[in-house]
Amino acid sequence: MTSTGREAEQTDALTDFIVGCGDIGQRVARLEQAAGRKILALTRSATAADSLKALGIGIVRGDLDARSSLTNLPATLATLYYFAPPPPKGTDDPRLRNLLNTLQDLPERVVYISTSGVYGDCGGAWIDEDWPLNPISERGKRRLAAELILRGWSDRTGIPVVILRVPGIYGPGRLPVERVRQGVPVLFEADSPYSNRIHADDLALACCAAARRGHSGQAYNISDGHPTTMTDYFWRIADRYGLERPPAISLAEARHVLSPNMLSFLEESKRLDNRRMLAKLRVTLQFPDLASGLTACR
């Protein structure tokens, strides 16, 4: 092989492909670009394509809902970061199936963002990644289906897959300030379930760490390790922005005034053990608790 050929091979080996290049994908892209890697992203929108190009991200056009459009997928990939959400209804993820069934050249590894909702309601217990998976919401069932799809695909292809189970993501531009401003009620704190969070920048760090140090087939809880109640979360945001705290109501009242989607979160209570992430992925959190994370939000 000529030296030019070796250089081309090395350059190709440093190409990552992000499917679902929204806020988190763009944060990951910036980190990988700073590490000297080339980033490609799948998009179906011309507007999104222009925004991604402005960030130095290469564009691959395609629609996960239309397998026939996935005709120009890149080859010689290092990491496939799959961040695209499943469809909003059902208990499967045909979008993920469409992509995996279309790939001609396989990546070196896949990093997938799942949800802590795959555990279902754990009654407020501290749980690690070996806790039984029992999603109760369709949202959680779709993500569990995706995890199983990827595990089966990994078994067939031999390509390592790393799964990140992610709770609520917060950070600049990702806070429910308008909800608080509107005074949407919260539960009495004594009735409020435990919820877990991760700052968007720390999630991006964890994604890159998973690409380098994640063990194939392993799942990792990605959280700051300091859960609070959902009521506490909304009240802290109110205090941070000088807003009136939302009123507290009973769960019975909440069933009449809150959206089905919000109620689905109130039916699950768990505290995520993040020790595997810290020890195995060696992630050093920039925002190890909500107080430090909110302080950094402008």
C-alpha atoms as a PDB file:
ATOM      1  CA  MET A   1       0.000   0.000   0.000  1.00  0.00           C
ATOM      2  CA  THR A   2       1.338   3.459  -0.835  1.00  0.00           C
ATOM      3  CA  SER A   3       1.785   6.115   1.838  1.00  0.00           C
ATOM      4  CA  THR A   4      -1.135   8.009   0.292  1.00  0.00           C
ATOM      5  CA  GLY A   5      -3.319   4.926   0.691  1.00  0.00           C
ATOM      6  CA  ARG A   6      -2.317   4.549   4.346  1.00  0.00           C
ATOM      7  CA  GLU A   7      -3.088   8.200   5.010  1.00  0.00           C
ATOM      8  CA  ALA A   8      -6.538   7.822   3.418  1.00  0.00           C
ATOM      9  CA  GLU A   9      -7.222   4.733   5.498  1.00  0.00           C
ATOM     10  CA  GLN A  10      -6.225   6.545   8.702  1.00  0.00           C
ATOM     11  CA  THR A  11      -8.414   9.528   7.829  1.00  0.00           C
ATOM     12  CA  ASP A  12     -11.401   7.278   7.128  1.00  0.00           C
ATOM     13  CA  ALA A  13     -10.849   5.458  10.430  1.00  0.00           C
ATOM     14  CA  LEU A  14     -11.362   8.772  12.241  1.00  0.00           C
ATOM     15  CA  THR A  15     -14.797   9.400  10.764  1.00  0.00           C
ATOM     16  CA  ASP A  16     -17.803   9.216  13.091  1.00  0.00           C
ATOM     17  CA  PHE A  17     -21.432   9.175  11.956  1.00  0.00           C
ATOM     18  CA  ILE A  18     -24.153  10.743  14.084  1.00  0.00           C
ATOM     19  CA  VAL A  19     -27.737   9.695  13.472  1.00  0.00           C
ATOM     20  CA  GLY A  20     -29.974  12.102  15.346  1.00  0.00           C
ATOM     21  CA  CYS A  21     -27.681  15.136  15.391  1.00  0.00           C
ATOM     22  CA  GLY A  22     -29.739  17.472  17.557  1.00  0.00           C
ATOM     23  CA  ASP A  23     -28.482  19.239  20.661  1.00  0.00           C
ATOM     24  CA  ILE A  24     -26.641  16.256  22.160  1.00  0.00           C
ATOM     25  CA  GLY A  25     -25.338  15.114  18.793  1.00  0.00           C
ATOM     26  CA  GLN A  26     -23.895  18.554  18.121  1.00  0.00           C
ATOM     27  CA  ARG A  27     -22.207  18.598  21.531  1.00  0.00           C
ATOM     28  CA  VAL A  28     -20.672  15.209  20.762  1.00  0.00           C
ATOM     29  CA  ALA A  29     -19.634  16.465  17.328  1.00  0.00           C
ATOM     30  CA  ARG A  30     -17.769  19.399  18.848  1.00  0.00           C
ATOM     31  CA  LEU A  31     -15.902  17.109  21.235  1.00  0.00           C
ATOM     32  CA  GLU A  32     -14.959  14.679  18.483  1.00  0.00           C
ATOM     33  CA  GLN A  33     -13.909  17.479  16.142  1.00  0.00           C
ATOM     34  CA  ALA A  34     -11.662  18.821  18.898  1.00  0.00           C
ATOM     35  CA  ALA A  35     -10.152  15.327  19.068  1.00  0.00           C
ATOM     36  CA  GLY A  36      -9.320  15.541  15.362  1.00  0.00           C
ATOM     37  CA  ARG A  37     -12.125  13.394  14.015  1.00  0.00           C
ATOM     38  CA  LYS A  38     -14.311  14.004  10.984  1.00  0.00           C
ATOM     39  CA  ILE A  39     -18.060  14.067  11.653  1.00  0.00           C
ATOM     40  CA  LEU A  40     -20.884  13.106   9.328  1.00  0.00           C
ATOM     41  CA  ALA A  41     -24.561  13.393  10.263  1.00  0.00           C
ATOM     42  CA  LEU A  42     -27.780  12.035   8.802  1.00  0.00           C
ATOM     43  CA  THR A  43     -30.489  14.593   8.146  1.00  0.00           C
ATOM     44  CA  ARG A  44     -33.670  14.753   6.097  1.00  0.00           C
ATOM     45  CA  SER A  45     -34.149  18.527   6.356  1.00  0.00           C
ATOM     46  CA  ALA A  46     -32.413  21.094   4.167  1.00  0.00           C
ATOM     47  CA  THR A  47     -32.645  23.623   6.986  1.00  0.00           C
ATOM     48  CA  ALA A  48     -30.995  21.243   9.443  1.00  0.00           C
ATOM     49  CA  ALA A  49     -28.369  20.401   6.814  1.00  0.00           C
ATOM     50  CA  ASP A  50     -27.414  24.064   6.471  1.00  0.00           C
ATOM     51  CA  SER A  51     -27.119  24.426  10.261  1.00  0.00           C
ATOM     52  CA  LEU A  52     -24.928  21.340  10.554  1.00  0.00           C
ATOM     53  CA  LYS A  53     -22.715  22.412   7.644  1.00  0.00           C
ATOM     54  CA  ALA A  54     -22.091  25.689   9.469  1.00  0.00           C
ATOM     55  CA  LEU A  55     -20.666  23.602  12.328  1.00  0.00           C
ATOM     56  CA  GLY A  56     -18.275  21.809   9.996  1.00  0.00           C
ATOM     57  CA  ILE A  57     -20.339  18.611   9.961  1.00  0.00           C
ATOM     58  CA  GLY A  58     -20.631  16.638   6.742  1.00  0.00           C
ATOM     59  CA  ILE A  59     -24.144  15.874   5.561  1.00  0.00           C
ATOM     60  CA  VAL A  60     -25.707  12.556   4.582  1.00  0.00           C
ATOM     61  CA  ARG A  61     -29.281  13.000   3.375  1.00  0.00           C
ATOM     62  CA  GLY A  62     -31.862  10.403   4.325  1.00  0.00           C
ATOM     63  CA  ASP A  63     -35.070   9.732   6.231  1.00  0.00           C
ATOM     64  CA  LEU A  64     -35.176   6.949   8.816  1.00  0.00           C
ATOM     65  CA  ASP A  65     -38.895   6.527   8.144  1.00  0.00           C
ATOM     66  CA  ALA A  66     -38.207   5.784   4.463  1.00  0.00           C
ATOM     67  CA  ARG A  67     -35.677   2.995   4.062  1.00  0.00           C
ATOM     68  CA  SER A  68     -35.447   3.596   0.323  1.00  0.00           C
ATOM     69  CA  SER A  69     -33.935   7.032   1.041  1.00  0.00           C
ATOM     70  CA  LEU A  70     -30.977   5.538   2.942  1.00  0.00           C
ATOM     71  CA  THR A  71     -28.936   4.924  -0.185  1.00  0.00           C
ATOM     72  CA  ASN A  72     -25.843   6.991   0.505  1.00  0.00           C
ATOM     73  CA  LEU A  73     -24.734   5.845   3.952  1.00  0.00           C
ATOM     74  CA  PRO A  74     -21.024   6.371   4.640  1.00  0.00           C
ATOM     75  CA  ALA A  75     -18.380   3.676   4.739  1.00  0.00           C
ATOM     76  CA  THR A  76     -15.291   3.106   6.896  1.00  0.00           C
ATOM     77  CA  LEU A  77     -16.750   4.500  10.086  1.00  0.00           C
ATOM     78  CA  ALA A  78     -15.176   4.489  13.516  1.00  0.00           C
ATOM     79  CA  THR A  79     -18.234   5.122  15.681  1.00  0.00           C
ATOM     80  CA  LEU A  80     -21.903   5.178  14.774  1.00  0.00           C
ATOM     81  CA  TYR A  81     -23.602   7.373  17.353  1.00  0.00           C
ATOM     82  CA  TYR A  82     -27.306   6.532  17.229  1.00  0.00           C
ATOM     83  CA  PHE A  83     -29.297   9.275  19.002  1.00  0.00           C
ATOM     84  CA  ALA A  84     -32.477   9.328  16.898  1.00  0.00           C
ATOM     85  CA  PRO A  85     -35.705   8.789  18.837  1.00  0.00           C
ATOM     86  CA  PRO A  86     -38.120   5.997  17.946  1.00  0.00           C
ATOM     87  CA  PRO A  87     -41.496   6.894  16.419  1.00  0.00           C
ATOM     88  CA  PRO A  88     -43.833   8.607  18.914  1.00  0.00           C
ATOM     89  CA  LYS A  89     -46.220   5.649  19.087  1.00  0.00           C
ATOM     90  CA  GLY A  90     -46.007   1.877  19.367  1.00  0.00           C
ATOM     91  CA  THR A  91     -43.616  -0.435  21.145  1.00  0.00           C
ATOM     92  CA  ASP A  92     -40.974  -0.982  18.448  1.00  0.00           C
ATOM     93  CA  ASP A  93     -38.322   1.083  16.667  1.00  0.00           C
ATOM     94  CA  PRO A  94     -38.636   0.595  12.902  1.00  0.00           C
ATOM     95  CA  ARG A  95     -36.340   3.584  12.327  1.00  0.00           C
ATOM     96  CA  LEU A  96     -33.432   1.761  13.907  1.00  0.00           C
ATOM     97  CA  ARG A  97     -34.285  -1.394  11.970  1.00  0.00           C
ATOM     98  CA  ASN A  98     -34.304   0.579   8.719  1.00  0.00           C
ATOM     99  CA  LEU A  99     -30.824   1.940   9.327  1.00  0.00           C
ATOM    100  CA  LEU A 100     -29.246  -1.328  10.457  1.00  0.00           C
ATOM    101  CA  ASN A 101     -30.811  -3.247   7.569  1.00  0.00           C
ATOM    102  CA  THR A 102     -29.425  -0.712   5.081  1.00  0.00           C
ATOM    103  CA  LEU A 103     -25.833  -0.452   6.298  1.00  0.00           C
ATOM    104  CA  GLN A 104     -23.469  -1.960   3.749  1.00  0.00           C
ATOM    105  CA  ASP A 105     -20.193  -1.087   5.470  1.00  0.00           C
ATOM    106  CA  LEU A 106     -20.305  -1.683   9.212  1.00  0.00           C
ATOM    107  CA  PRO A 107     -18.893   0.741  11.770  1.00  0.00           C
ATOM    108  CA  GLU A 108     -16.265  -0.265  14.302  1.00  0.00           C
ATOM    109  CA  ARG A 109     -18.742   0.267  17.146  1.00  0.00           C
ATOM    110  CA  VAL A 110     -22.174   1.694  17.987  1.00  0.00           C
ATOM    111  CA  VAL A 111     -23.073   3.978  20.902  1.00  0.00           C
ATOM    112  CA  TYR A 112     -26.814   4.130  21.569  1.00  0.00           C
ATOM    113  CA  ILE A 113     -28.697   6.535  23.836  1.00  0.00           C
ATOM    114  CA  SER A 114     -31.508   4.624  25.528  1.00  0.00           C
ATOM    115  CA  THR A 115     -33.580   5.736  28.521  1.00  0.00           C
ATOM    116  CA  SER A 116     -33.717   4.896  32.204  1.00  0.00           C
ATOM    117  CA  GLY A 117     -37.417   4.334  31.513  1.00  0.00           C
ATOM    118  CA  VAL A 118     -36.545   0.752  30.515  1.00  0.00           C
ATOM    119  CA  TYR A 119     -36.416  -0.056  34.250  1.00  0.00           C
ATOM    120  CA  GLY A 120     -40.014   1.038  34.813  1.00  0.00           C
ATOM    121  CA  ASP A 121     -41.149   1.925  38.321  1.00  0.00           C
ATOM    122  CA  CYS A 122     -38.652   0.837  40.970  1.00  0.00           C
ATOM    123  CA  GLY A 123     -40.429   2.285  43.998  1.00  0.00           C
ATOM    124  CA  GLY A 124     -37.666   4.808  44.639  1.00  0.00           C
ATOM    125  CA  ALA A 125     -34.971   2.125  45.024  1.00  0.00           C
ATOM    126  CA  TRP A 126     -31.338   2.687  44.136  1.00  0.00           C
ATOM    127  CA  ILE A 127     -30.758   0.620  40.998  1.00  0.00           C
ATOM    128  CA  ASP A 128     -27.754  -0.429  38.965  1.00  0.00           C
ATOM    129  CA  GLU A 129     -27.602  -1.718  35.407  1.00  0.00           C
ATOM    130  CA  ASP A 130     -28.421  -5.279  36.474  1.00  0.00           C
ATOM    131  CA  TRP A 131     -31.875  -4.287  37.747  1.00  0.00           C
ATOM    132  CA  PRO A 132     -34.611  -6.170  35.872  1.00  0.00           C
ATOM    133  CA  LEU A 133     -35.976  -4.301  32.864  1.00  0.00           C
ATOM    134  CA  ASN A 134     -39.722  -3.745  33.130  1.00  0.00           C
ATOM    135  CA  PRO A 135     -40.842  -0.632  31.213  1.00  0.00           C
ATOM    136  CA  ILE A 136     -44.417   0.418  31.881  1.00  0.00           C
ATOM    137  CA  SER A 137     -44.712   3.271  29.399  1.00  0.00           C
ATOM    138  CA  GLU A 138     -44.761   2.898  25.631  1.00  0.00           C
ATOM    139  CA  ARG A 139     -41.806   5.276  25.609  1.00  0.00           C
ATOM    140  CA  GLY A 140     -39.802   2.839  27.716  1.00  0.00           C
ATOM    141  CA  LYS A 141     -40.984  -0.179  25.732  1.00  0.00           C
ATOM    142  CA  ARG A 142     -39.813   1.389  22.463  1.00  0.00           C
ATOM    143  CA  ARG A 143     -36.360   1.947  23.912  1.00  0.00           C
ATOM    144  CA  LEU A 144     -36.145  -1.572  25.293  1.00  0.00           C
ATOM    145  CA  ALA A 145     -37.107  -2.884  21.851  1.00  0.00           C
ATOM    146  CA  ALA A 146     -34.263  -0.820  20.376  1.00  0.00           C
ATOM    147  CA  GLU A 147     -31.793  -2.209  22.914  1.00  0.00           C
ATOM    148  CA  LEU A 148     -32.824  -5.753  21.979  1.00  0.00           C
ATOM    149  CA  ILE A 149     -32.587  -4.976  18.252  1.00  0.00           C
ATOM    150  CA  LEU A 150     -29.039  -3.707  18.731  1.00  0.00           C
ATOM    151  CA  ARG A 151     -27.977  -6.633  20.899  1.00  0.00           C
ATOM    152  CA  GLY A 152     -29.236  -9.099  18.292  1.00  0.00           C
ATOM    153  CA  TRP A 153     -27.529  -7.167  15.492  1.00  0.00           C
ATOM    154  CA  SER A 154     -24.283  -7.121  17.493  1.00  0.00           C
ATOM    155  CA  ASP A 155     -24.470 -10.882  18.016  1.00  0.00           C
ATOM    156  CA  ARG A 156     -24.908 -11.423  14.271  1.00  0.00           C
ATOM    157  CA  THR A 157     -22.264  -8.972  13.063  1.00  0.00           C
ATOM    158  CA  GLY A 158     -19.718  -8.997  15.870  1.00  0.00           C
ATOM    159  CA  ILE A 159     -19.840  -5.175  16.016  1.00  0.00           C
ATOM    160  CA  PRO A 160     -19.597  -3.859  19.603  1.00  0.00           C
ATOM    161  CA  VAL A 161     -22.658  -2.016  20.887  1.00  0.00           C
ATOM    162  CA  VAL A 162     -22.616   0.183  24.006  1.00  0.00           C
ATOM    163  CA  ILE A 163     -25.911   1.244  25.572  1.00  0.00           C
ATOM    164  CA  LEU A 164     -26.324   4.418  27.621  1.00  0.00           C
ATOM    165  CA  ARG A 165     -29.437   4.566  29.825  1.00  0.00           C
ATOM    166  CA  VAL A 166     -30.169   8.236  30.196  1.00  0.00           C
ATOM    167  CA  PRO A 167     -32.681  10.024  32.454  1.00  0.00           C
ATOM    168  CA  GLY A 168     -33.799  13.661  32.175  1.00  0.00           C
ATOM    169  CA  ILE A 169     -31.347  15.874  30.289  1.00  0.00           C
ATOM    170  CA  TYR A 170     -30.977  19.486  31.341  1.00  0.00           C
ATOM    171  CA  GLY A 171     -28.715  22.400  30.516  1.00  0.00           C
ATOM    172  CA  PRO A 172     -28.813  25.770  28.732  1.00  0.00           C
ATOM    173  CA  GLY A 173     -31.856  25.857  26.493  1.00  0.00           C
ATOM    174  CA  ARG A 174     -33.141  22.585  27.961  1.00  0.00           C
ATOM    175  CA  LEU A 175     -34.911  23.794  31.104  1.00  0.00           C
ATOM    176  CA  PRO A 176     -38.718  23.806  31.556  1.00  0.00           C
ATOM    177  CA  VAL A 177     -38.710  27.507  32.401  1.00  0.00           C
ATOM    178  CA  GLU A 178     -41.884  28.241  30.426  1.00  0.00           C
ATOM    179  CA  ARG A 179     -43.729  25.426  32.181  1.00  0.00           C
ATOM    180  CA  VAL A 180     -42.740  26.906  35.527  1.00  0.00           C
ATOM    181  CA  ARG A 181     -43.680  30.407  34.363  1.00  0.00           C
ATOM    182  CA  GLN A 182     -47.130  29.130  33.388  1.00  0.00           C
ATOM    183  CA  GLY A 183     -47.641  27.736  36.886  1.00  0.00           C
ATOM    184  CA  VAL A 184     -48.328  24.153  35.805  1.00  0.00           C
ATOM    185  CA  PRO A 185     -48.852  22.285  39.094  1.00  0.00           C
ATOM    186  CA  VAL A 186     -46.440  19.819  40.634  1.00  0.00           C
ATOM    187  CA  LEU A 187     -47.104  17.061  43.159  1.00  0.00           C
ATOM    188  CA  PHE A 188     -46.847  17.561  46.877  1.00  0.00           C
ATOM    189  CA  GLU A 189     -43.189  16.884  47.536  1.00  0.00           C
ATOM    190  CA  ALA A 190     -43.961  13.941  49.826  1.00  0.00           C
ATOM    191  CA  ASP A 191     -45.813  12.299  46.902  1.00  0.00           C
ATOM    192  CA  SER A 192     -43.356  13.257  44.189  1.00  0.00           C
ATOM    193  CA  PRO A 193     -41.308  10.441  42.620  1.00  0.00           C
ATOM    194  CA  TYR A 194     -37.546  10.412  42.544  1.00  0.00           C
ATOM    195  CA  SER A 195     -36.122  11.537  39.230  1.00  0.00           C
ATOM    196  CA  ASN A 196     -32.608  11.549  37.856  1.00  0.00           C
ATOM    197  CA  ARG A 197     -30.774  13.995  35.632  1.00  0.00           C
ATOM    198  CA  ILE A 198     -27.630  14.535  33.628  1.00  0.00           C
ATOM    199  CA  HIS A 199     -26.308  17.828  32.292  1.00  0.00           C
ATOM    200  CA  ALA A 200     -26.169  17.899  28.492  1.00  0.00           C
ATOM    201  CA  ASP A 201     -22.416  18.562  28.469  1.00  0.00           C
ATOM    202  CA  ASP A 202     -21.771  15.610  30.773  1.00  0.00           C
ATOM    203  CA  LEU A 203     -23.916  13.370  28.586  1.00  0.00           C
ATOM    204  CA  ALA A 204     -21.809  14.344  25.575  1.00  0.00           C
ATOM    205  CA  LEU A 205     -18.654  13.492  27.536  1.00  0.00           C
ATOM    206  CA  ALA A 206     -20.158  10.119  28.460  1.00  0.00           C
ATOM    207  CA  CYS A 207     -20.992   9.369  24.816  1.00  0.00           C
ATOM    208  CA  CYS A 208     -17.398   9.979  23.737  1.00  0.00           C
ATOM    209  CA  ALA A 209     -16.085   7.954  26.678  1.00  0.00           C
ATOM    210  CA  ALA A 210     -18.407   5.085  25.718  1.00  0.00           C
ATOM    211  CA  ALA A 211     -16.968   5.103  22.194  1.00  0.00           C
ATOM    212  CA  ARG A 212     -13.478   4.676  23.603  1.00  0.00           C
ATOM    213  CA  ARG A 213     -13.905   2.652  26.783  1.00  0.00           C
ATOM    214  CA  GLY A 214     -17.378   1.111  26.689  1.00  0.00           C
ATOM    215  CA  HIS A 215     -17.552  -2.675  26.848  1.00  0.00           C
ATOM    216  CA  SER A 216     -19.541  -4.389  24.102  1.00  0.00           C
ATOM    217  CA  GLY A 217     -23.010  -5.406  25.227  1.00  0.00           C
ATOM    218  CA  GLN A 218     -22.706  -3.397  28.410  1.00  0.00           C
ATOM    219  CA  ALA A 219     -25.236  -0.837  29.586  1.00  0.00           C
ATOM    220  CA  TYR A 220     -24.309   2.219  31.643  1.00  0.00           C
ATOM    221  CA  ASN A 221     -26.513   4.457  33.770  1.00  0.00           C
ATOM    222  CA  ILE A 222     -25.650   8.021  32.769  1.00  0.00           C
ATOM    223  CA  SER A 223     -26.668  10.353  35.582  1.00  0.00           C
ATOM    224  CA  ASP A 224     -25.110  12.763  38.038  1.00  0.00           C
ATOM    225  CA  GLY A 225     -25.794  10.341  40.894  1.00  0.00           C
ATOM    226  CA  HIS A 226     -27.750  12.887  42.940  1.00  0.00           C
ATOM    227  CA  PRO A 227     -31.457  12.290  42.275  1.00  0.00           C
ATOM    228  CA  THR A 228     -34.086  14.569  43.732  1.00  0.00           C
ATOM    229  CA  THR A 229     -37.851  14.660  43.460  1.00  0.00           C
ATOM    230  CA  MET A 230     -39.485  16.106  40.368  1.00  0.00           C
ATOM    231  CA  THR A 231     -41.111  18.741  42.538  1.00  0.00           C
ATOM    232  CA  ASP A 232     -37.726  19.787  43.879  1.00  0.00           C
ATOM    233  CA  TYR A 233     -36.459  20.057  40.305  1.00  0.00           C
ATOM    234  CA  PHE A 234     -39.221  22.430  39.201  1.00  0.00           C
ATOM    235  CA  TRP A 235     -38.987  24.493  42.370  1.00  0.00           C
ATOM    236  CA  ARG A 236     -35.218  24.900  41.978  1.00  0.00           C
ATOM    237  CA  ILE A 237     -35.718  26.160  38.451  1.00  0.00           C
ATOM    238  CA  ALA A 238     -38.294  28.648  39.711  1.00  0.00           C
ATOM    239  CA  ASP A 239     -35.847  29.863  42.355  1.00  0.00           C
ATOM    240  CA  ARG A 240     -32.986  30.046  39.833  1.00  0.00           C
ATOM    241  CA  TYR A 241     -34.951  32.338  37.526  1.00  0.00           C
ATOM    242  CA  GLY A 242     -36.779  34.337  40.172  1.00  0.00           C
ATOM    243  CA  LEU A 243     -40.173  32.868  39.329  1.00  0.00           C
ATOM    244  CA  GLU A 244     -43.015  31.919  41.619  1.00  0.00           C
ATOM    245  CA  ARG A 245     -42.903  28.265  42.586  1.00  0.00           C
ATOM    246  CA  PRO A 246     -45.616  26.196  40.875  1.00  0.00           C
ATOM    247  CA  PRO A 247     -48.471  25.134  43.164  1.00  0.00           C
ATOM    248  CA  ALA A 248     -48.432  21.627  44.614  1.00  0.00           C
ATOM    249  CA  ILE A 249     -51.409  19.274  44.244  1.00  0.00           C
ATOM    250  CA  SER A 250     -52.268  15.668  45.041  1.00  0.00           C
ATOM    251  CA  LEU A 251     -51.767  12.829  42.607  1.00  0.00           C
ATOM    252  CA  ALA A 252     -55.553  12.443  42.313  1.00  0.00           C
ATOM    253  CA  GLU A 253     -55.818  16.091  41.249  1.00  0.00           C
ATOM    254  CA  ALA A 254     -52.838  15.725  38.912  1.00  0.00           C
ATOM    255  CA  ARG A 255     -54.628  13.003  36.949  1.00  0.00           C
ATOM    256  CA  HIS A 256     -57.228  15.587  35.953  1.00  0.00           C
ATOM    257  CA  VAL A 257     -54.927  18.466  35.007  1.00  0.00           C
ATOM    258  CA  LEU A 258     -51.595  17.076  33.766  1.00  0.00           C
ATOM    259  CA  SER A 259     -50.907  15.620  30.334  1.00  0.00           C
ATOM    260  CA  PRO A 260     -50.732  11.836  29.871  1.00  0.00           C
ATOM    261  CA  ASN A 261     -47.053  12.185  28.977  1.00  0.00           C
ATOM    262  CA  MET A 262     -46.270  14.026  32.206  1.00  0.00           C
ATOM    263  CA  LEU A 263     -48.306  11.545  34.218  1.00  0.00           C
ATOM    264  CA  SER A 264     -46.257   8.702  32.761  1.00  0.00           C
ATOM    265  CA  PHE A 265     -43.151  10.200  34.373  1.00  0.00           C
ATOM    266  CA  LEU A 266     -44.953  10.547  37.703  1.00  0.00           C
ATOM    267  CA  GLU A 267     -45.667   6.814  37.704  1.00  0.00           C
ATOM    268  CA  GLU A 268     -41.957   5.943  37.848  1.00  0.00           C
ATOM    269  CA  SER A 269     -39.630   6.467  40.790  1.00  0.00           C
ATOM    270  CA  LYS A 270     -36.022   5.320  40.870  1.00  0.00           C
ATOM    271  CA  ARG A 271     -32.563   6.450  41.886  1.00  0.00           C
ATOM    272  CA  LEU A 272     -29.831   5.611  39.394  1.00  0.00           C
ATOM    273  CA  ASP A 273     -26.529   4.202  40.590  1.00  0.00           C
ATOM    274  CA  ASN A 274     -23.870   5.728  38.298  1.00  0.00           C
ATOM    275  CA  ARG A 275     -20.800   3.967  39.700  1.00  0.00           C
ATOM    276  CA  ARG A 276     -20.270   1.838  36.577  1.00  0.00           C
ATOM    277  CA  MET A 277     -20.144   4.982  34.439  1.00  0.00           C
ATOM    278  CA  LEU A 278     -17.630   6.628  36.773  1.00  0.00           C
ATOM    279  CA  ALA A 279     -15.396   3.577  37.171  1.00  0.00           C
ATOM    280  CA  LYS A 280     -15.539   1.951  33.741  1.00  0.00           C
ATOM    281  CA  LEU A 281     -16.073   4.872  31.380  1.00  0.00           C
ATOM    282  CA  ARG A 282     -13.927   7.084  33.618  1.00  0.00           C
ATOM    283  CA  VAL A 283     -16.182  10.080  33.135  1.00  0.00           C
ATOM    284  CA  THR A 284     -15.362  13.097  35.301  1.00  0.00           C
ATOM    285  CA  LEU A 285     -18.592  15.022  35.629  1.00  0.00           C
ATOM    286  CA  GLN A 286     -18.430  18.771  35.160  1.00  0.00           C
ATOM    287  CA  PHE A 287     -21.781  19.110  36.921  1.00  0.00           C
ATOM    288  CA  PRO A 288     -22.060  16.394  39.598  1.00  0.00           C
ATOM    289  CA  ASP A 289     -25.311  17.732  41.042  1.00  0.00           C
ATOM    290  CA  LEU A 290     -28.257  19.907  40.122  1.00  0.00           C
ATOM    291  CA  ALA A 291     -27.002  22.899  42.076  1.00  0.00           C
ATOM    292  CA  SER A 292     -23.781  23.152  40.084  1.00  0.00           C
ATOM    293  CA  GLY A 293     -25.558  22.444  36.791  1.00  0.00           C
ATOM    294  CA  LEU A 294     -28.248  25.090  37.247  1.00  0.00           C
ATOM    295  CA  THR A 295     -25.701  27.667  38.333  1.00  0.00           C
ATOM    296  CA  ALA A 296     -23.987  27.231  34.965  1.00  0.00           C
ATOM    297  CA  CYS A 297     -27.233  27.729  33.007  1.00  0.00           C
ATOM    298  CA  ARG A 298     -27.673  31.252  31.710  1.00  0.00           C
END
